[in-house]
Amino acid sequence: MNWDLREQAKTSQPGLDEIVKLHRGKNLHFSSDIDKAIDEAEMIFISVNTPTKNWGLGKGRATDLTNLEAAARRIAKVSRQPKVIVEKSTVPVKAAETTSTILQFEAKSRRNISSLTITTNNNDNKLNEFVVLSNPEFLAEGTAVNDLCNPDRILIGGDSHSSSGKLAIEMLRWIYLHWVPAERILITSTWSSELSKLVIYFHNNHMLTIDWL
């Protein structure tokens, strides 16, 4: 992909252009071949717009998950091996469960998906199914790069009771350990992780009211 960074990658986040210039062509690559990138990836981060529904049941209140569900279907459609899917968008509790259901259903309709071999801690492990993790971002506009490079916490939500869930959590944790101290990486359930993001979102937008009984 011929992307002129100076003309087409303008950003409003201080420090982002410098990071892109430093890592582009090394461990950062841009591509317009979405299906190829999906198929070759072991881990995929989904960060899509999740607006409030403007039609149907829950109009004006509920979250519209159309984009999230479409991304899940696209991933399942073109993948020849299971993936770890990381949910970054602001979503309601159980969104990861919905995403997982879509992935598993689509995978079962195809019979040519093999297991994925993943190496962690010098050990080879088999991932036999799609796994969805919740990894909400706690970034502020204008300081997103600094917040990501120097986070006060990283929250990973997943199923730590299953072998696939443990493997997926360890994969994501290993990535963050490259620059985040271990004590700042918190492991919790998927639901708790999703709920934490919602609480912070509503608090920051002055929309949170807590009634004590």
Protein backbone atom coordinates (compact mmCIF):
# COMPACT_ATOMS: atom_id res chain seq x y z
CA MET A 1 0.00 0.00 0.00
CA ASN A 2 1.53 3.30 -1.12
CA TRP A 3 0.61 5.60 1.74
CA ASP A 4 2.20 9.05 1.79
CA LEU A 5 2.35 9.60 5.54
CA ARG A 6 2.79 13.36 5.30
CA GLU A 7 -0.33 13.85 3.17
CA GLN A 8 -2.70 11.03 4.13
CA ALA A 9 -1.95 10.17 7.74
CA LYS A 10 -2.60 13.50 9.40
CA THR A 11 -3.64 12.99 13.01
CA SER A 12 -4.73 15.17 15.89
CA GLN A 13 -3.03 13.04 18.52
CA PRO A 14 0.31 14.51 19.68
CA GLY A 15 3.13 12.01 19.21
CA LEU A 16 1.28 9.62 16.89
CA ASP A 17 2.94 10.76 13.66
CA GLU A 18 6.37 10.25 15.22
CA ILE A 19 5.51 6.71 16.32
CA VAL A 20 4.15 5.81 12.88
CA LYS A 21 7.28 7.15 11.16
CA LEU A 22 9.53 5.24 13.56
CA HIS A 23 7.84 1.85 13.23
CA ARG A 24 6.33 1.91 9.74
CA GLY A 25 7.79 -0.89 7.61
CA LYS A 26 9.19 -2.65 10.68
CA ASN A 27 6.43 -3.94 12.94
CA LEU A 28 3.78 -1.58 11.58
CA HIS A 29 2.35 -2.18 8.11
CA PHE A 30 -0.64 -0.75 6.26
CA SER A 31 -2.66 -2.81 3.80
CA SER A 32 -5.85 -2.50 1.79
CA ASP A 33 -6.07 -6.30 1.41
CA ILE A 34 -8.27 -6.84 4.46
CA ASP A 35 -9.04 -10.52 3.90
CA LYS A 36 -5.36 -11.45 3.51
CA ALA A 37 -4.43 -9.54 6.66
CA ILE A 38 -7.21 -11.25 8.62
CA ASP A 39 -6.24 -14.72 7.44
CA GLU A 40 -2.55 -14.25 8.29
CA ALA A 41 -3.13 -12.75 11.75
CA GLU A 42 -3.07 -14.68 15.01
CA MET A 43 -4.65 -11.86 17.00
CA ILE A 44 -7.09 -9.25 15.71
CA PHE A 45 -8.13 -6.06 17.51
CA ILE A 46 -11.65 -4.85 16.74
CA SER A 47 -12.09 -1.12 17.22
CA VAL A 48 -15.21 -0.02 15.39
CA ASN A 49 -17.82 2.67 15.86
CA THR A 50 -20.63 1.56 18.19
CA PRO A 51 -23.16 4.40 18.12
CA THR A 52 -26.50 4.57 19.88
CA LYS A 53 -29.26 2.89 17.89
CA ASN A 54 -31.37 5.31 15.88
CA TRP A 55 -34.02 2.80 14.87
CA GLY A 56 -35.84 -0.28 16.16
CA LEU A 57 -35.97 -1.68 19.67
CA GLY A 58 -33.84 0.39 22.04
CA LYS A 59 -33.76 3.42 19.75
CA GLY A 60 -31.99 6.32 21.45
CA ARG A 61 -30.74 4.11 24.31
CA ALA A 62 -29.21 0.81 23.23
CA THR A 63 -25.84 0.36 21.52
CA ASP A 64 -25.87 -0.46 17.82
CA LEU A 65 -23.56 -3.47 17.39
CA THR A 66 -23.98 -3.71 13.61
CA ASN A 67 -20.33 -2.83 12.90
CA LEU A 68 -19.01 -5.22 15.55
CA GLU A 69 -21.13 -8.10 14.29
CA ALA A 70 -20.13 -7.39 10.68
CA ALA A 71 -16.45 -7.47 11.65
CA ALA A 72 -16.92 -10.81 13.42
CA ARG A 73 -18.64 -12.33 10.39
CA ARG A 74 -15.90 -11.08 8.07
CA ILE A 75 -13.21 -12.57 10.29
CA ALA A 76 -14.95 -15.94 10.48
CA LYS A 77 -15.63 -15.97 6.75
CA VAL A 78 -12.03 -15.60 5.60
CA SER A 79 -10.08 -17.27 8.44
CA ARG A 80 -8.60 -20.69 7.85
CA GLN A 81 -7.46 -20.96 11.47
CA PRO A 82 -8.89 -19.79 14.81
CA LYS A 83 -7.92 -16.32 16.03
CA VAL A 84 -7.77 -14.40 19.26
CA ILE A 85 -10.20 -11.50 18.89
CA VAL A 86 -9.62 -8.48 21.12
CA GLU A 87 -12.59 -6.22 21.74
CA LYS A 88 -11.49 -2.56 22.05
CA SER A 89 -14.72 -0.69 21.26
CA THR A 90 -17.09 0.70 23.88
CA VAL A 91 -19.70 -2.05 24.04
CA PRO A 92 -22.39 -3.29 26.42
CA VAL A 93 -21.81 -6.23 28.73
CA LYS A 94 -22.08 -9.56 26.87
CA ALA A 95 -20.89 -8.08 23.56
CA ALA A 96 -17.91 -10.46 23.63
CA GLU A 97 -20.32 -13.33 24.14
CA THR A 98 -22.31 -12.22 21.10
CA THR A 99 -19.13 -11.91 19.04
CA SER A 100 -18.00 -15.37 20.13
CA THR A 101 -21.36 -16.88 19.19
CA ILE A 102 -21.11 -15.40 15.69
CA LEU A 103 -17.55 -16.64 15.24
CA GLN A 104 -18.29 -20.17 16.46
CA PHE A 105 -21.46 -20.44 14.35
CA GLU A 106 -19.72 -19.27 11.20
CA ALA A 107 -16.76 -21.57 11.88
CA LYS A 108 -19.01 -24.61 12.30
CA SER A 109 -20.67 -23.88 8.96
CA ARG A 110 -17.23 -24.27 7.38
CA ARG A 111 -15.33 -27.52 7.76
CA ASN A 112 -11.88 -26.40 6.64
CA ILE A 113 -10.72 -24.51 9.74
CA SER A 114 -7.66 -26.10 11.36
CA SER A 115 -6.07 -25.44 14.74
CA LEU A 116 -3.54 -22.64 15.22
CA THR A 117 -0.14 -23.32 16.78
CA ILE A 118 0.99 -20.50 19.07
CA THR A 119 4.34 -20.29 20.83
CA THR A 120 4.38 -18.73 24.30
CA ASN A 121 7.24 -19.03 26.79
CA ASN A 122 9.05 -21.27 24.27
CA ASN A 123 6.17 -23.75 24.37
CA ASP A 124 3.93 -24.63 21.44
CA ASN A 125 0.21 -24.53 22.19
CA LYS A 126 -2.82 -25.35 20.07
CA LEU A 127 -5.68 -22.90 19.73
CA ASN A 128 -8.68 -24.91 18.54
CA GLU A 129 -11.39 -22.26 18.63
CA PHE A 130 -11.93 -18.53 18.26
CA VAL A 131 -11.45 -16.73 21.58
CA VAL A 132 -12.79 -13.25 22.33
CA LEU A 133 -11.11 -11.04 24.93
CA SER A 134 -12.17 -7.68 26.30
CA ASN A 135 -9.35 -5.15 26.46
CA PRO A 136 -10.93 -1.71 26.90
CA GLU A 137 -8.92 1.42 26.31
CA PHE A 138 -8.79 4.21 28.88
CA LEU A 139 -7.48 7.02 26.70
CA ALA A 140 -8.17 10.74 26.79
CA GLU A 141 -8.41 12.86 23.66
CA GLY A 142 -5.16 14.71 23.08
CA THR A 143 -3.14 12.43 25.38
CA ALA A 144 -3.95 9.06 23.80
CA VAL A 145 -0.35 8.25 22.82
CA ASN A 146 1.01 9.07 26.27
CA ASP A 147 -1.85 7.16 27.92
CA LEU A 148 -1.04 4.11 25.81
CA CYS A 149 2.72 4.30 26.31
CA ASN A 150 2.45 4.99 30.05
CA PRO A 151 -0.81 3.38 31.20
CA ASP A 152 -1.74 3.30 34.86
CA ARG A 153 -3.48 -0.01 34.19
CA ILE A 154 -4.20 -2.52 31.44
CA LEU A 155 -7.38 -4.55 31.82
CA ILE A 156 -7.73 -7.92 30.10
CA GLY A 157 -11.04 -9.74 30.39
CA GLY A 158 -11.37 -13.37 29.37
CA ASP A 159 -12.26 -16.91 30.38
CA SER A 160 -9.34 -17.97 32.56
CA HIS A 161 -11.03 -21.30 33.32
CA SER A 162 -10.64 -22.75 29.81
CA SER A 163 -7.38 -23.76 28.15
CA SER A 164 -8.11 -21.63 25.08
CA GLY A 165 -9.04 -18.66 27.25
CA LYS A 166 -5.86 -18.96 29.30
CA LEU A 167 -3.75 -19.14 26.15
CA ALA A 168 -5.44 -16.09 24.63
CA ILE A 169 -5.02 -14.06 27.82
CA GLU A 170 -1.35 -15.00 28.04
CA MET A 171 -0.80 -13.99 24.39
CA LEU A 172 -2.21 -10.50 24.97
CA ARG A 173 -0.48 -10.14 28.32
CA TRP A 174 2.85 -11.06 26.68
CA ILE A 175 2.43 -8.22 24.16
CA TYR A 176 1.81 -5.63 26.87
CA LEU A 177 4.71 -6.89 28.98
CA HIS A 178 7.07 -5.41 26.37
CA TRP A 179 6.46 -1.97 27.86
CA VAL A 180 3.97 -2.25 30.74
CA PRO A 181 5.04 -3.46 34.23
CA ALA A 182 3.40 -6.76 35.15
CA GLU A 183 1.71 -5.29 38.23
CA ARG A 184 -0.24 -2.88 36.02
CA ILE A 185 -1.76 -5.66 33.92
CA LEU A 186 -5.01 -6.80 35.51
CA ILE A 187 -6.78 -10.02 34.53
CA THR A 188 -10.51 -10.31 35.11
CA SER A 189 -13.64 -11.82 33.60
CA THR A 190 -14.94 -10.64 30.25
CA TRP A 191 -18.10 -9.18 31.77
CA SER A 192 -16.18 -7.26 34.46
CA SER A 193 -13.86 -5.82 31.84
CA GLU A 194 -16.73 -4.67 29.62
CA LEU A 195 -18.56 -3.18 32.59
CA SER A 196 -15.45 -1.28 33.72
CA LYS A 197 -15.23 0.45 30.36
CA LEU A 198 -18.89 1.47 30.50
CA VAL A 199 -18.55 2.86 34.02
CA ILE A 200 -15.56 5.00 33.01
CA TYR A 201 -17.32 6.13 29.82
CA PHE A 202 -20.48 7.25 31.57
CA HIS A 203 -18.52 8.84 34.41
CA ASN A 204 -16.43 10.88 31.98
CA ASN A 205 -19.57 12.02 30.19
CA HIS A 206 -21.34 12.90 33.46
CA MET A 207 -24.04 10.35 32.70
CA LEU A 208 -23.50 8.02 35.65
CA THR A 209 -25.87 7.97 38.60
CA ILE A 210 -25.46 5.48 41.42
CA ASP A 211 -28.29 4.88 43.87
CA TRP A 212 -27.34 3.46 47.25
CA LEU A 213 -30.00 1.23 48.79
